[in-house]
């Protein structure tokens, strides 16, 4: 909700936007000045590592292989977290071709 207020604050007053969304203006300003959480910071670092691994594989690795590479580098995380971060960054791996029988 606060992201919407932040995006639209150039066109409408913050107080009016908060009133329409049913949130307090003090909550918005508290959110605005709040530092990033530890989880968000580790997500940003993981995203940087995932992008480099994905690029090094010539954009062929999907979440399972990227997760395996992170494990090989000593980074412990879940495959689902890697998949979520890749989805947010719109990183996809290559799919195998379908086997076609010709005779």
PDB file of N, CA and C in Angstrom:
ATOM      1  N   UNK A   1       0.808  -1.186   0.000  1.00  0.00           N
ATOM      2  CA  UNK A   1       0.000   0.000   0.000  1.00  0.00           C
ATOM      3  C   UNK A   1       0.858   1.260   0.000  1.00  0.00           C
ATOM      4  N   UNK A   2       1.903   1.231   0.833  1.00  0.00           N
ATOM      5  CA  UNK A   2       2.756   2.413   0.923  1.00  0.00           C
ATOM      6  C   UNK A   2       3.520   2.652  -0.369  1.00  0.00           C
ATOM      7  N   UNK A   3       3.799   1.573  -1.123  1.00  0.00           N
ATOM      8  CA  UNK A   3       4.472   1.745  -2.409  1.00  0.00           C
ATOM      9  C   UNK A   3       3.589   2.536  -3.363  1.00  0.00           C
ATOM     10  N   UNK A   4       2.287   2.254  -3.320  1.00  0.00           N
ATOM     11  CA  UNK A   4       1.338   2.985  -4.167  1.00  0.00           C
ATOM     12  C   UNK A   4       1.302   4.461  -3.784  1.00  0.00           C
ATOM     13  N   UNK A   5       1.282   4.735  -2.491  1.00  0.00           N
ATOM     14  CA  UNK A   5       1.271   6.124  -2.024  1.00  0.00           C
ATOM     15  C   UNK A   5       2.537   6.832  -2.487  1.00  0.00           C
ATOM     16  N   UNK A   6       3.653   6.148  -2.381  1.00  0.00           N
ATOM     17  CA  UNK A   6       4.921   6.737  -2.792  1.00  0.00           C
ATOM     18  C   UNK A   6       4.942   7.013  -4.299  1.00  0.00           C
ATOM     19  N   UNK A   7       4.342   6.127  -5.086  1.00  0.00           N
ATOM     20  CA  UNK A   7       4.335   6.307  -6.532  1.00  0.00           C
ATOM     21  C   UNK A   7       3.398   7.438  -6.967  1.00  0.00           C
ATOM     22  N   UNK A   8       2.300   7.631  -6.232  1.00  0.00           N
ATOM     23  CA  UNK A   8       1.292   8.598  -6.638  1.00  0.00           C
ATOM     24  C   UNK A   8       1.374   9.934  -5.903  1.00  0.00           C
ATOM     25  N   UNK A   9       2.346  10.101  -5.040  1.00  0.00           N
ATOM     26  CA  UNK A   9       2.400  11.309  -4.219  1.00  0.00           C
ATOM     27  C   UNK A   9       2.704  12.569  -5.024  1.00  0.00           C
ATOM     28  N   UNK A  10       3.229  12.425  -6.231  1.00  0.00           N
ATOM     29  CA  UNK A  10       3.487  13.596  -7.068  1.00  0.00           C
ATOM     30  C   UNK A  10       2.191  14.185  -7.629  1.00  0.00           C
ATOM     31  N   UNK A  11       1.167  13.345  -7.753  1.00  0.00           N
ATOM     32  CA  UNK A  11      -0.076  13.807  -8.358  1.00  0.00           C
ATOM     33  C   UNK A  11      -1.163  14.124  -7.338  1.00  0.00           C
ATOM     34  N   UNK A  12      -1.124  13.455  -6.184  1.00  0.00           N
ATOM     35  CA  UNK A  12      -2.164  13.632  -5.170  1.00  0.00           C
ATOM     36  C   UNK A  12      -1.525  13.876  -3.810  1.00  0.00           C
ATOM     37  N   UNK A  13      -2.220  14.510  -2.899  1.00  0.00           N
ATOM     38  CA  UNK A  13      -1.680  14.708  -1.549  1.00  0.00           C
ATOM     39  C   UNK A  13      -1.560  13.376  -0.809  1.00  0.00           C
ATOM     40  N   UNK A  14      -0.519  13.265  -0.012  1.00  0.00           N
ATOM     41  CA  UNK A  14      -0.262  12.041   0.738  1.00  0.00           C
ATOM     42  C   UNK A  14      -1.402  11.755   1.703  1.00  0.00           C
ATOM     43  N   UNK A  15      -1.919  12.785   2.355  1.00  0.00           N
ATOM     44  CA  UNK A  15      -2.990  12.590   3.328  1.00  0.00           C
ATOM     45  C   UNK A  15      -4.236  12.010   2.655  1.00  0.00           C
ATOM     46  N   UNK A  16      -4.552  12.488   1.468  1.00  0.00           N
ATOM     47  CA  UNK A  16      -5.734  11.990   0.764  1.00  0.00           C
ATOM     48  C   UNK A  16      -5.544  10.543   0.319  1.00  0.00           C
ATOM     49  N   UNK A  17      -4.358  10.216  -0.189  1.00  0.00           N
ATOM     50  CA  UNK A  17      -4.073   8.848  -0.606  1.00  0.00           C
ATOM     51  C   UNK A  17      -4.165   7.885   0.576  1.00  0.00           C
ATOM     52  N   UNK A  18      -3.591   8.290   1.701  1.00  0.00           N
ATOM     53  CA  UNK A  18      -3.629   7.437   2.897  1.00  0.00           C
ATOM     54  C   UNK A  18      -5.061   7.257   3.388  1.00  0.00           C
ATOM     55  N   UNK A  19      -5.851   8.301   3.298  1.00  0.00           N
ATOM     56  CA  UNK A  19      -7.239   8.223   3.737  1.00  0.00           C
ATOM     57  C   UNK A  19      -8.017   7.248   2.851  1.00  0.00           C
ATOM     58  N   UNK A  20      -7.799   7.310   1.549  1.00  0.00           N
ATOM     59  CA  UNK A  20      -8.491   6.412   0.628  1.00  0.00           C
ATOM     60  C   UNK A  20      -8.092   4.957   0.827  1.00  0.00           C
ATOM     61  N   UNK A  21      -6.828   4.728   1.170  1.00  0.00           N
ATOM     62  CA  UNK A  21      -6.344   3.360   1.365  1.00  0.00           C
ATOM     63  C   UNK A  21      -6.592   2.844   2.779  1.00  0.00           C
ATOM     64  N   UNK A  22      -6.973   3.736   3.683  1.00  0.00           N
ATOM     65  CA  UNK A  22      -7.261   3.314   5.049  1.00  0.00           C
ATOM     66  C   UNK A  22      -6.022   3.098   5.893  1.00  0.00           C
ATOM     67  N   UNK A  23      -4.969   3.838   5.606  1.00  0.00           N
ATOM     68  CA  UNK A  23      -3.744   3.764   6.403  1.00  0.00           C
ATOM     69  C   UNK A  23      -3.449   5.153   6.965  1.00  0.00           C
ATOM     70  N   UNK A  24      -2.616   5.194   7.970  1.00  0.00           N
ATOM     71  CA  UNK A  24      -2.298   6.477   8.588  1.00  0.00           C
ATOM     72  C   UNK A  24      -1.139   7.153   7.862  1.00  0.00           C
ATOM     73  N   UNK A  25      -1.137   8.460   7.863  1.00  0.00           N
ATOM     74  CA  UNK A  25      -0.032   9.188   7.242  1.00  0.00           C
ATOM     75  C   UNK A  25       1.250   9.008   8.044  1.00  0.00           C
ATOM     76  N   UNK A  26       1.117   8.908   9.368  1.00  0.00           N
ATOM     77  CA  UNK A  26       2.316   8.686  10.184  1.00  0.00           C
ATOM     78  C   UNK A  26       2.929   7.321   9.885  1.00  0.00           C
ATOM     79  N   UNK A  27       2.080   6.325   9.582  1.00  0.00           N
ATOM     80  CA  UNK A  27       2.583   5.010   9.190  1.00  0.00           C
ATOM     81  C   UNK A  27       3.333   5.074   7.876  1.00  0.00           C
ATOM     82  N   UNK A  28       2.836   5.881   6.942  1.00  0.00           N
ATOM     83  CA  UNK A  28       3.519   6.039   5.664  1.00  0.00           C
ATOM     84  C   UNK A  28       4.892   6.667   5.850  1.00  0.00           C
ATOM     85  N   UNK A  29       4.946   7.749   6.630  1.00  0.00           N
ATOM     86  CA  UNK A  29       6.237   8.413   6.828  1.00  0.00           C
ATOM     87  C   UNK A  29       7.191   7.554   7.643  1.00  0.00           C
ATOM     88  N   UNK A  30       6.674   6.741   8.551  1.00  0.00           N
ATOM     89  CA  UNK A  30       7.531   5.800   9.283  1.00  0.00           C
ATOM     90  C   UNK A  30       8.101   4.761   8.327  1.00  0.00           C
ATOM     91  N   UNK A  31       7.262   4.273   7.397  1.00  0.00           N
ATOM     92  CA  UNK A  31       7.719   3.307   6.400  1.00  0.00           C
ATOM     93  C   UNK A  31       8.759   3.937   5.481  1.00  0.00           C
ATOM     94  N   UNK A  32       8.563   5.206   5.138  1.00  0.00           N
ATOM     95  CA  UNK A  32       9.461   5.901   4.230  1.00  0.00           C
ATOM     96  C   UNK A  32      10.862   6.052   4.814  1.00  0.00           C
ATOM     97  N   UNK A  33      10.957   6.303   6.112  1.00  0.00           N
ATOM     98  CA  UNK A  33      12.245   6.540   6.758  1.00  0.00           C
ATOM     99  C   UNK A  33      12.851   5.292   7.384  1.00  0.00           C
ATOM    100  N   UNK A  34      12.145   4.169   7.318  1.00  0.00           N
ATOM    101  CA  UNK A  34      12.625   2.932   7.927  1.00  0.00           C
ATOM    102  C   UNK A  34      13.745   2.330   7.086  1.00  0.00           C
ATOM    103  N   UNK A  35      14.833   1.885   7.707  1.00  0.00           N
ATOM    104  CA  UNK A  35      15.903   1.247   6.925  1.00  0.00           C
ATOM    105  C   UNK A  35      15.461  -0.138   6.451  1.00  0.00           C
ATOM    106  N   UNK A  36      16.153  -0.648   5.469  1.00  0.00           N
ATOM    107  CA  UNK A  36      15.834  -1.967   4.926  1.00  0.00           C
ATOM    108  C   UNK A  36      16.088  -3.037   5.988  1.00  0.00           C
ATOM    109  N   UNK A  37      15.249  -4.070   5.985  1.00  0.00           N
ATOM    110  CA  UNK A  37      15.381  -5.145   6.961  1.00  0.00           C
ATOM    111  C   UNK A  37      16.573  -6.034   6.605  1.00  0.00           C
ATOM    112  N   UNK A  38      16.972  -6.869   7.538  1.00  0.00           N
ATOM    113  CA  UNK A  38      18.086  -7.788   7.305  1.00  0.00           C
ATOM    114  C   UNK A  38      17.729  -8.772   6.194  1.00  0.00           C
ATOM    115  N   UNK A  39      16.486  -9.202   6.155  1.00  0.00           N
ATOM    116  CA  UNK A  39      16.047 -10.139   5.111  1.00  0.00           C
ATOM    117  C   UNK A  39      16.108  -9.478   3.735  1.00  0.00           C
ATOM    118  N   UNK A  40      15.713  -8.230   3.647  1.00  0.00           N
ATOM    119  CA  UNK A  40      15.771  -7.516   2.376  1.00  0.00           C
ATOM    120  C   UNK A  40      17.216  -7.312   1.929  1.00  0.00           C
ATOM    121  N   UNK A  41      18.107  -7.073   2.881  1.00  0.00           N
ATOM    122  CA  UNK A  41      19.526  -6.903   2.536  1.00  0.00           C
ATOM    123  C   UNK A  41      20.116  -8.201   2.021  1.00  0.00           C
ATOM    124  N   UNK A  42      19.788  -9.334   2.670  1.00  0.00           N
ATOM    125  CA  UNK A  42      20.315 -10.614   2.190  1.00  0.00           C
ATOM    126  C   UNK A  42      19.684 -10.994   0.855  1.00  0.00           C
ATOM    127  N   UNK A  43      18.418 -10.618   0.649  1.00  0.00           N
ATOM    128  CA  UNK A  43      17.793 -10.846  -0.656  1.00  0.00           C
ATOM    129  C   UNK A  43      18.525 -10.080  -1.751  1.00  0.00           C
ATOM    130  N   UNK A  44      18.919  -8.854  -1.471  1.00  0.00           N
ATOM    131  CA  UNK A  44      19.637  -8.050  -2.462  1.00  0.00           C
ATOM    132  C   UNK A  44      20.999  -8.669  -2.783  1.00  0.00           C
ATOM    133  N   UNK A  45      21.698  -9.167  -1.766  1.00  0.00           N
ATOM    134  CA  UNK A  45      22.993  -9.809  -1.987  1.00  0.00           C
ATOM    135  C   UNK A  45      22.830 -11.118  -2.757  1.00  0.00           C
ATOM    136  N   UNK A  46      21.816 -11.899  -2.378  1.00  0.00           N
ATOM    137  CA  UNK A  46      21.545 -13.150  -3.095  1.00  0.00           C
ATOM    138  C   UNK A  46      21.171 -12.877  -4.549  1.00  0.00           C
ATOM    139  N   UNK A  47      20.397 -11.838  -4.789  1.00  0.00           N
ATOM    140  CA  UNK A  47      20.009 -11.489  -6.148  1.00  0.00           C
ATOM    141  C   UNK A  47      21.232 -11.141  -6.984  1.00  0.00           C
ATOM    142  N   UNK A  48      22.183 -10.434  -6.386  1.00  0.00           N
ATOM    143  CA  UNK A  48      23.416 -10.100  -7.108  1.00  0.00           C
ATOM    144  C   UNK A  48      24.173 -11.374  -7.479  1.00  0.00           C
ATOM    145  N   UNK A  49      24.278 -12.322  -6.536  1.00  0.00           N
ATOM    146  CA  UNK A  49      24.980 -13.575  -6.811  1.00  0.00           C
ATOM    147  C   UNK A  49      24.230 -14.415  -7.842  1.00  0.00           C
ATOM    148  N   UNK A  50      22.900 -14.437  -7.752  1.00  0.00           N
ATOM    149  CA  UNK A  50      22.091 -15.208  -8.692  1.00  0.00           C
ATOM    150  C   UNK A  50      22.257 -14.646 -10.103  1.00  0.00           C
ATOM    151  N   UNK A  51      22.265 -13.316 -10.229  1.00  0.00           N
ATOM    152  CA  UNK A  51      22.445 -12.699 -11.545  1.00  0.00           C
ATOM    153  C   UNK A  51      23.804 -13.069 -12.149  1.00  0.00           C
ATOM    154  N   UNK A  52      24.851 -13.076 -11.331  1.00  0.00           N
ATOM    155  CA  UNK A  52      26.182 -13.400 -11.861  1.00  0.00           C
ATOM    156  C   UNK A  52      26.269 -14.870 -12.267  1.00  0.00           C
ATOM    157  N   UNK A  53      25.678 -15.778 -11.480  1.00  0.00           N
ATOM    158  CA  UNK A  53      25.690 -17.205 -11.826  1.00  0.00           C
ATOM    159  C   UNK A  53      24.875 -17.435 -13.090  1.00  0.00           C
ATOM    160  N   UNK A  54      23.733 -16.785 -13.186  1.00  0.00           N
ATOM    161  CA  UNK A  54      22.870 -16.939 -14.358  1.00  0.00           C
ATOM    162  C   UNK A  54      23.570 -16.419 -15.612  1.00  0.00           C
ATOM    163  N   UNK A  55      24.248 -15.301 -15.492  1.00  0.00           N
ATOM    164  CA  UNK A  55      24.969 -14.744 -16.640  1.00  0.00           C
ATOM    165  C   UNK A  55      26.159 -15.624 -17.025  1.00  0.00           C
ATOM    166  N   UNK A  56      26.845 -16.192 -16.028  1.00  0.00           N
ATOM    167  CA  UNK A  56      27.997 -17.048 -16.314  1.00  0.00           C
ATOM    168  C   UNK A  56      27.579 -18.334 -17.026  1.00  0.00           C
ATOM    169  N   UNK A  57      26.349 -18.767 -16.826  1.00  0.00           N
ATOM    170  CA  UNK A  57      25.856 -19.971 -17.490  1.00  0.00           C
ATOM    171  C   UNK A  57      25.244 -19.661 -18.855  1.00  0.00           C
ATOM    172  N   UNK A  58      25.455 -18.446 -19.347  1.00  0.00           N
ATOM    173  CA  UNK A  58      24.887 -17.980 -20.611  1.00  0.00           C
ATOM    174  C   UNK A  58      23.353 -18.046 -20.569  1.00  0.00           C
ATOM    175  N   UNK A  59      22.806 -17.704 -19.415  1.00  0.00           N
ATOM    176  CA  UNK A  59      21.350 -17.639 -19.183  1.00  0.00           C
ATOM    177  C   UNK A  59      20.657 -18.977 -19.400  1.00  0.00           C
ATOM    178  N   UNK A  60      21.336 -20.071 -19.107  1.00  0.00           N
ATOM    179  CA  UNK A  60      20.738 -21.389 -19.281  1.00  0.00           C
ATOM    180  C   UNK A  60      20.295 -22.011 -17.972  1.00  0.00           C
ATOM    181  N   UNK A  61      20.875 -21.622 -16.850  1.00  0.00           N
ATOM    182  CA  UNK A  61      20.548 -22.252 -15.567  1.00  0.00           C
ATOM    183  C   UNK A  61      19.221 -21.747 -15.040  1.00  0.00           C
ATOM    184  N   UNK A  62      18.419 -22.678 -14.541  1.00  0.00           N
ATOM    185  CA  UNK A  62      17.202 -22.342 -13.834  1.00  0.00           C
ATOM    186  C   UNK A  62      17.458 -22.359 -12.338  1.00  0.00           C
ATOM    187  N   UNK A  63      16.404 -22.320 -11.555  1.00  0.00           N
ATOM    188  CA  UNK A  63      16.533 -22.240 -10.102  1.00  0.00           C
ATOM    189  C   UNK A  63      17.257 -23.442  -9.491  1.00  0.00           C
ATOM    190  N   UNK A  64      16.995 -24.696  -9.915  1.00  0.00           N
ATOM    191  CA  UNK A  64      17.712 -25.811  -9.288  1.00  0.00           C
ATOM    192  C   UNK A  64      19.228 -25.761  -9.486  1.00  0.00           C
ATOM    193  N   UNK A  65      19.658 -25.413 -10.696  1.00  0.00           N
ATOM    194  CA  UNK A  65      21.095 -25.356 -10.954  1.00  0.00           C
ATOM    195  C   UNK A  65      21.743 -24.142 -10.298  1.00  0.00           C
ATOM    196  N   UNK A  66      21.039 -23.017 -10.291  1.00  0.00           N
ATOM    197  CA  UNK A  66      21.573 -21.837  -9.609  1.00  0.00           C
ATOM    198  C   UNK A  66      21.692 -22.129  -8.123  1.00  0.00           C
ATOM    199  N   UNK A  67      20.704 -22.822  -7.553  1.00  0.00           N
ATOM    200  CA  UNK A  67      20.759 -23.206  -6.143  1.00  0.00           C
ATOM    201  C   UNK A  67      21.953 -24.115  -5.879  1.00  0.00           C
ATOM    202  N   UNK A  68      22.218 -25.053  -6.786  1.00  0.00           N
ATOM    203  CA  UNK A  68      23.366 -25.946  -6.634  1.00  0.00           C
ATOM    204  C   UNK A  68      24.683 -25.165  -6.701  1.00  0.00           C
ATOM    205  N   UNK A  69      24.761 -24.192  -7.598  1.00  0.00           N
ATOM    206  CA  UNK A  69      25.973 -23.368  -7.695  1.00  0.00           C
ATOM    207  C   UNK A  69      26.180 -22.535  -6.434  1.00  0.00           C
ATOM    208  N   UNK A  70      25.101 -21.991  -5.902  1.00  0.00           N
ATOM    209  CA  UNK A  70      25.217 -21.229  -4.654  1.00  0.00           C
ATOM    210  C   UNK A  70      25.721 -22.129  -3.536  1.00  0.00           C
ATOM    211  N   UNK A  71      25.224 -23.355  -3.483  1.00  0.00           N
ATOM    212  CA  UNK A  71      25.700 -24.305  -2.480  1.00  0.00           C
ATOM    213  C   UNK A  71      27.166 -24.638  -2.659  1.00  0.00           C
ATOM    214  N   UNK A  72      27.609 -24.719  -3.906  1.00  0.00           N
ATOM    215  CA  UNK A  72      29.021 -24.994  -4.177  1.00  0.00           C
ATOM    216  C   UNK A  72      29.910 -23.832  -3.742  1.00  0.00           C
ATOM    217  N   UNK A  73      29.351 -22.625  -3.765  1.00  0.00           N
ATOM    218  CA  UNK A  73      30.096 -21.450  -3.309  1.00  0.00           C
ATOM    219  C   UNK A  73      29.968 -21.242  -1.805  1.00  0.00           C
ATOM    220  N   UNK A  74      29.249 -22.120  -1.121  1.00  0.00           N
ATOM    221  CA  UNK A  74      29.124 -22.029   0.333  1.00  0.00           C
ATOM    222  C   UNK A  74      27.978 -21.176   0.829  1.00  0.00           C
ATOM    223  N   UNK A  75      27.033 -20.836  -0.048  1.00  0.00           N
ATOM    224  CA  UNK A  75      25.884 -20.025   0.344  1.00  0.00           C
ATOM    225  C   UNK A  75      24.725 -20.973   0.633  1.00  0.00           C
ATOM    226  N   UNK A  76      24.218 -20.924   1.864  1.00  0.00           N
ATOM    227  CA  UNK A  76      23.108 -21.792   2.254  1.00  0.00           C
ATOM    228  C   UNK A  76      21.799 -21.030   2.151  1.00  0.00           C
ATOM    229  N   UNK A  77      20.928 -21.525   1.299  1.00  0.00           N
ATOM    230  CA  UNK A  77      19.600 -20.947   1.128  1.00  0.00           C
ATOM    231  C   UNK A  77      18.694 -22.005   0.533  1.00  0.00           C
ATOM    232  N   UNK A  78      17.413 -21.730   0.462  1.00  0.00           N
ATOM    233  CA  UNK A  78      16.489 -22.723  -0.079  1.00  0.00           C
ATOM    234  C   UNK A  78      16.298 -22.513  -1.578  1.00  0.00           C
ATOM    235  N   UNK A  79      15.914 -23.597  -2.253  1.00  0.00           N
ATOM    236  CA  UNK A  79      15.668 -23.526  -3.683  1.00  0.00           C
ATOM    237  C   UNK A  79      14.455 -22.648  -3.980  1.00  0.00           C
ATOM    238  N   UNK A  80      13.485 -22.673  -3.092  1.00  0.00           N
ATOM    239  CA  UNK A  80      12.287 -21.859  -3.306  1.00  0.00           C
ATOM    240  C   UNK A  80      12.604 -20.362  -3.206  1.00  0.00           C
ATOM    241  N   UNK A  81      13.528 -20.001  -2.333  1.00  0.00           N
ATOM    242  CA  UNK A  81      13.929 -18.590  -2.238  1.00  0.00           C
ATOM    243  C   UNK A  81      14.649 -18.166  -3.506  1.00  0.00           C
ATOM    244  N   UNK A  82      15.513 -19.045  -4.011  1.00  0.00           N
ATOM    245  CA  UNK A  82      16.209 -18.760  -5.267  1.00  0.00           C
ATOM    246  C   UNK A  82      15.197 -18.610  -6.399  1.00  0.00           C
ATOM    247  N   UNK A  83      14.195 -19.496  -6.430  1.00  0.00           N
ATOM    248  CA  UNK A  83      13.177 -19.417  -7.476  1.00  0.00           C
ATOM    249  C   UNK A  83      12.381 -18.122  -7.367  1.00  0.00           C
ATOM    250  N   UNK A  84      12.048 -17.707  -6.145  1.00  0.00           N
ATOM    251  CA  UNK A  84      11.297 -16.460  -5.954  1.00  0.00           C
ATOM    252  C   UNK A  84      12.106 -15.261  -6.434  1.00  0.00           C
ATOM    253  N   UNK A  85      13.392 -15.213  -6.064  1.00  0.00           N
ATOM    254  CA  UNK A  85      14.236 -14.091  -6.470  1.00  0.00           C
ATOM    255  C   UNK A  85      14.436 -14.070  -7.983  1.00  0.00           C
ATOM    256  N   UNK A  86      14.573 -15.255  -8.583  1.00  0.00           N
ATOM    257  CA  UNK A  86      14.721 -15.303 -10.035  1.00  0.00           C
ATOM    258  C   UNK A  86      13.431 -14.848 -10.719  1.00  0.00           C
ATOM    259  N   UNK A  87      12.295 -15.235 -10.173  1.00  0.00           N
ATOM    260  CA  UNK A  87      11.012 -14.828 -10.738  1.00  0.00           C
ATOM    261  C   UNK A  87      10.843 -13.318 -10.648  1.00  0.00           C
ATOM    262  N   UNK A  88      11.236 -12.736  -9.512  1.00  0.00           N
ATOM    263  CA  UNK A  88      11.120 -11.288  -9.347  1.00  0.00           C
ATOM    264  C   UNK A  88      12.004 -10.534 -10.329  1.00  0.00           C
ATOM    265  N   UNK A  89      13.159 -11.105 -10.657  1.00  0.00           N
ATOM    266  CA  UNK A  89      14.085 -10.470 -11.598  1.00  0.00           C
ATOM    267  C   UNK A  89      13.849 -10.907 -13.043  1.00  0.00           C
ATOM    268  N   UNK A  90      12.843 -11.762 -13.248  1.00  0.00           N
ATOM    269  CA  UNK A  90      12.489 -12.280 -14.569  1.00  0.00           C
ATOM    270  C   UNK A  90      13.663 -13.008 -15.219  1.00  0.00           C
ATOM    271  N   UNK A  91      14.354 -13.830 -14.428  1.00  0.00           N
ATOM    272  CA  UNK A  91      15.438 -14.664 -14.930  1.00  0.00           C
ATOM    273  C   UNK A  91      14.895 -16.073 -15.125  1.00  0.00           C
ATOM    274  N   UNK A  92      15.015 -16.602 -16.323  1.00  0.00           N
ATOM    275  CA  UNK A  92      14.539 -17.949 -16.605  1.00  0.00           C
ATOM    276  C   UNK A  92      15.652 -18.732 -17.281  1.00  0.00           C
ATOM    277  N   UNK A  93      15.643 -20.032 -17.064  1.00  0.00           N
ATOM    278  CA  UNK A  93      16.613 -20.899 -17.703  1.00  0.00           C
ATOM    279  C   UNK A  93      16.080 -21.423 -19.017  1.00  0.00           C
ATOM    280  N   UNK A  94      16.943 -22.125 -19.740  1.00  0.00           N
ATOM    281  CA  UNK A  94      16.529 -22.730 -21.003  1.00  0.00           C
ATOM    282  C   UNK A  94      15.822 -24.041 -20.713  1.00  0.00           C
ATOM    283  N   UNK A  95      14.849 -24.357 -21.533  1.00  0.00           N
ATOM    284  CA  UNK A  95      14.124 -25.611 -21.413  1.00  0.00           C
ATOM    285  C   UNK A  95      14.738 -26.623 -22.364  1.00  0.00           C
ATOM    286  N   UNK A  96      14.699 -27.885 -21.963  1.00  0.00           N
ATOM    287  CA  UNK A  96      15.205 -28.920 -22.855  1.00  0.00           C
ATOM    288  C   UNK A  96      14.247 -29.103 -24.019  1.00  0.00           C
ATOM    289  N   UNK A  97      14.824 -29.493 -25.132  1.00  0.00           N
ATOM    290  CA  UNK A  97      13.987 -29.727 -26.301  1.00  0.00           C
ATOM    291  C   UNK A  97      13.227 -31.033 -26.122  1.00  0.00           C
ATOM    292  N   UNK A  98      12.101 -31.081 -26.713  1.00  0.00           N
ATOM    293  CA  UNK A  98      11.262 -32.251 -26.654  1.00  0.00           C
ATOM    294  C   UNK A  98      11.819 -33.312 -27.592  1.00  0.00           C
ATOM    295  N   UNK A  99      11.807 -34.574 -27.156  1.00  0.00           N
ATOM    296  CA  UNK A  99      12.274 -35.670 -27.996  1.00  0.00           C
ATOM    297  C   UNK A  99      11.215 -35.979 -29.049  1.00  0.00           C
ATOM    298  N   UNK A 100      11.627 -35.943 -30.291  1.00  0.00           N
ATOM    299  CA  UNK A 100      10.707 -36.199 -31.390  1.00  0.00           C
ATOM    300  C   UNK A 100      11.126 -37.458 -32.101  1.00  0.00           C
ATOM    301  N   UNK A 101      10.240 -38.440 -32.147  1.00  0.00           N
ATOM    302  CA  UNK A 101      10.540 -39.661 -32.865  1.00  0.00           C
ATOM    303  C   UNK A 101      10.157 -39.448 -34.334  1.00  0.00           C
ATOM    304  N   UNK A 102      11.076 -39.737 -35.226  1.00  0.00           N
ATOM    305  CA  UNK A 102      10.831 -39.480 -36.650  1.00  0.00           C
ATOM    306  C   UNK A 102      10.457 -40.730 -37.414  1.00  0.00           C
ATOM    307  N   UNK A 103      10.723 -41.892 -36.846  1.00  0.00           N
ATOM    308  CA  UNK A 103      10.351 -43.118 -37.577  1.00  0.00           C
ATOM    309  C   UNK A 103       9.527 -44.022 -36.702  1.00  0.00           C
TER     310      UNK A 103
END
